[in-house]
Protein backbone atom coordinates (compact mmCIF):
# COMPACT_ATOMS: atom_id res chain seq x y z
CA MET A 1 92.34 119.36 82.32
CA ASN A 2 89.31 117.44 83.57
CA SER A 3 91.64 114.82 84.73
CA SER A 4 93.14 116.89 87.41
CA GLN A 5 89.99 116.86 89.50
CA SER A 6 91.45 114.23 92.02
CA ALA A 7 94.64 116.34 92.42
CA ILE A 8 92.61 119.48 93.06
CA ILE A 9 90.45 117.85 95.56
CA LYS A 10 93.53 116.42 97.38
CA SER A 11 95.08 119.84 97.44
CA GLU A 12 91.97 121.54 98.80
CA VAL A 13 91.79 118.86 101.63
CA LEU A 14 95.44 119.57 102.46
CA GLU A 15 94.67 123.21 102.36
CA VAL A 16 91.79 122.98 104.93
CA ILE A 17 93.95 120.76 107.28
CA GLN A 18 96.99 123.04 107.05
CA LEU A 19 94.85 126.13 107.77
CA THR A 20 92.68 124.55 110.45
CA ILE A 21 95.72 123.08 112.41
CA GLY A 22 97.98 126.05 111.78
CA ILE A 23 95.21 128.67 112.99
CA PHE A 24 94.28 126.62 115.86
CA ASN A 25 97.72 126.02 117.11
CA LEU A 26 99.00 129.46 116.44
CA PHE A 27 96.10 130.78 118.75
CA ILE A 28 96.94 128.22 121.43
CA PHE A 29 100.84 128.72 121.15
CA GLY A 30 100.50 132.58 120.63
CA LEU A 31 98.54 132.72 123.85
CA GLY A 32 101.28 130.78 125.64
CA THR A 33 103.80 133.20 123.98
CA LEU A 34 101.82 136.20 125.20
CA ALA A 35 101.52 134.56 128.81
CA TYR A 36 105.37 134.08 129.01
CA ILE A 37 105.89 137.76 127.85
CA ILE A 38 103.32 139.46 130.08
CA ASN A 39 103.65 137.27 133.37
CA PRO A 40 106.36 138.61 135.54
CA ASN A 41 106.93 135.21 137.23
CA LEU A 42 107.72 133.46 133.88
CA LYS A 43 110.27 136.08 132.62
CA ASP A 44 113.08 134.00 133.62
CA GLU A 45 112.10 131.18 131.68
CA ARG A 46 113.81 131.98 128.37
CA THR A 47 113.91 128.48 127.08
CA GLU A 48 110.29 127.86 127.16
CA LEU A 49 109.78 131.32 125.70
CA LEU A 50 111.98 130.34 122.65
CA VAL A 51 110.25 127.14 122.35
CA PHE A 52 106.84 128.96 121.99
CA ILE A 53 108.19 131.54 119.55
CA GLY A 54 109.57 128.55 117.47
CA LEU A 55 106.39 126.86 117.38
CA ASP A 56 104.46 130.07 116.44
CA ILE A 57 106.80 130.52 113.59
CA LEU A 58 106.20 127.05 112.47
CA TRP A 59 102.41 127.42 112.56
CA ILE A 60 102.82 130.64 110.48
CA ILE A 61 104.69 128.66 107.88
CA ILE A 62 102.14 125.92 107.68
CA ILE A 63 99.35 128.68 107.49
CA MET A 64 101.35 130.11 104.51
CA PHE A 65 101.70 126.84 102.84
CA GLY A 66 97.71 126.49 103.11
CA MET A 67 97.22 129.87 101.63
CA LYS A 68 99.54 129.16 98.85
CA ARG A 69 97.64 126.07 98.08
CA ASN A 70 94.51 128.14 97.99
CA ARG A 71 96.09 130.64 95.70
CA ILE A 72 97.34 128.08 93.21
CA ALA A 73 94.07 126.25 93.10
CA ARG A 74 92.16 129.60 92.31
CA ARG A 75 94.77 130.39 89.65
CA PHE A 76 94.30 126.83 88.17
CA LYS A 77 90.56 127.41 87.75
CA GLN A 78 91.32 130.83 86.03
CA TYR A 79 94.07 129.42 83.79
CA ALA A 80 91.97 126.34 82.81
CA SER A 81 88.96 128.70 81.81
CA ILE A 82 91.47 130.70 79.55
CA ILE A 83 93.29 127.73 78.03
CA LEU A 84 90.23 125.37 77.66
CA ASN A 85 90.76 122.56 75.11
CA SER A 86 93.98 123.88 73.65
CA ASP A 87 96.88 121.61 72.91
CA SER A 88 99.39 124.59 73.57
CA PHE A 89 99.16 128.00 74.76
CA SER A 90 101.51 130.99 74.94
CA ILE A 91 102.60 131.96 78.46
CA SER A 92 102.76 135.65 77.61
CA HIS A 93 99.23 135.44 76.15
CA LEU A 94 98.09 133.78 79.37
CA SER A 95 99.86 136.56 81.25
CA ILE A 96 98.02 139.28 79.36
CA LEU A 97 94.69 137.62 79.72
CA SER A 98 95.12 136.86 83.59
CA GLY A 99 96.70 140.34 84.32
CA GLU A 100 99.74 138.87 85.95
CA PRO A 101 103.39 139.16 85.02
CA GLU A 102 104.91 136.47 83.11
CA GLY A 103 107.10 135.38 85.84
CA VAL A 104 104.27 134.86 88.13
CA VAL A 105 102.28 132.79 85.59
CA LEU A 106 105.45 130.68 84.70
CA LYS A 107 106.00 130.07 88.61
CA ASN A 108 102.18 129.16 89.02
CA LEU A 109 102.14 126.79 85.97
CA ASN A 110 105.39 124.94 87.26
CA GLN A 111 103.66 124.54 90.63
CA MET A 112 100.36 123.33 89.07
CA ILE A 113 102.41 120.70 86.95
CA LYS A 114 104.44 119.69 89.96
CA TRP A 115 101.16 119.27 92.12
CA LYS A 116 99.62 117.27 89.13
CA PHE A 117 96.78 119.92 88.65
CA ILE A 118 97.73 119.86 85.04
CA LYS A 119 98.61 116.34 84.01
CA ASN A 120 100.68 115.28 80.89
CA ALA A 121 101.92 118.81 80.28
CA PHE A 122 105.18 120.74 80.23
CA ILE A 123 106.65 123.95 79.59
CA ASN A 124 108.56 124.69 76.59
CA TYR A 125 110.96 127.30 77.35
CA GLU A 126 112.09 127.98 73.79
CA THR A 127 108.63 128.91 72.57
CA ASN A 128 107.53 130.28 75.98
CA SER A 129 104.40 128.20 75.89
CA ILE A 130 102.72 125.31 77.94
CA ILE A 131 102.17 121.98 76.00
CA LEU A 132 99.32 119.84 77.08
CA ASN A 133 100.07 116.31 75.85
CA SER A 134 96.63 114.37 75.43
CA VAL A 135 96.88 110.79 76.47
CA ASN A 136 94.38 109.95 73.74
CA LYS A 137 96.63 111.30 70.85
CA LYS A 138 97.88 108.49 68.56
CA PRO A 139 101.40 107.33 69.53
CA LYS A 140 104.43 108.25 67.40
CA PRO A 141 105.72 105.45 65.27
CA VAL A 142 108.40 103.39 66.70
CA SER A 143 111.76 104.17 65.38
CA THR A 144 113.61 101.53 63.35
CA VAL A 145 117.07 103.10 63.72
CA SER A 146 119.77 100.64 64.66
CA PRO A 147 121.15 101.22 68.26
CA ALA A 148 124.43 102.17 67.03
CA ARG A 149 122.99 105.06 64.96
CA LYS A 150 120.73 106.08 67.92
CA GLU A 151 123.71 106.54 70.39
CA LYS A 152 125.01 109.11 67.97
CA ASN A 153 121.85 111.11 68.34
CA ASN A 154 121.98 111.22 72.19
CA ILE A 155 122.79 114.50 73.75
CA VAL A 156 123.11 115.72 77.36
CA ILE A 157 120.47 118.33 78.40
CA THR A 158 120.65 120.40 81.54
CA CYS A 159 117.20 120.66 83.26
CA LYS A 160 115.99 124.34 83.64
CA ASN A 161 114.33 123.52 86.92
CA CYS A 162 116.87 121.58 88.87
CA GLY A 163 120.20 121.66 86.78
CA GLY A 164 120.47 118.02 86.63
CA ASN A 165 122.10 116.62 83.42
CA ASN A 166 119.95 114.19 81.41
CA LYS A 167 121.16 111.91 78.64
CA MET A 168 118.32 111.81 75.90
CA GLU A 169 117.87 111.45 72.12
CA LYS A 170 118.05 114.81 70.17
CA GLY A 171 114.54 116.17 69.59
CA SER A 172 112.71 113.86 71.91
CA ILE A 173 110.84 114.92 75.08
CA LYS A 174 111.04 113.15 78.46
CA GLU A 175 110.99 113.57 82.27
CA CYS A 176 114.02 114.79 84.03
CA ASP A 177 115.72 112.00 85.77
CA TYR A 178 116.04 114.08 89.02
CA CYS A 179 112.91 116.42 89.32
CA LYS A 180 110.49 114.84 87.00
CA SER A 181 109.54 117.85 84.98
CA PHE A 182 109.42 117.63 81.19
CA ILE A 183 112.45 118.46 79.28
CA GLU A 184 113.06 118.70 75.48
CA GLY A 185 116.13 117.47 73.70
CA ALA A 186 116.69 120.40 71.63
CA SER A 187 118.99 120.03 68.50
CA ASN A 188 121.39 122.58 69.80
CA GLY A 189 122.11 120.46 73.03
CA ARG A 190 121.12 123.21 75.62
């Protein structure tokens, strides 16, 4: 999890930028909106009022994204201290230790993987755990199975994140061709 430092710093910088720009512009455009609402001379200018309201909504959304980045970064630090040096960890156990519902923990972990806070990791939905693949582990031996035989072991797996169909070898793990989340080629073909 130490290799995630650059992603966390990048996220914190984006968070500060989003919050600063969002709050500043919401203040400015919020005052403009109030001026249009309060000033009797400007009440006929509906188009400008709608533009100001639209921009207010945009800045609120940007502020919300900044707050989400802040929340996910705080959760990452909490989860990292719980998991610490484990190759895999149960999501339900993490849920109990963090005091959050499993669905929230799962959503947070997916966001952390997407934002590269947790590198070389994926969620195994069958065992309800997060698997941390260490880059330093010894590589698996290369298969000497002939291509004709390998073709028979290929299955189509539907990604649980995006719903995309991926062709892969039975029992293997790879990134989804569409959303880049990790998927496992289960033996039952789900």
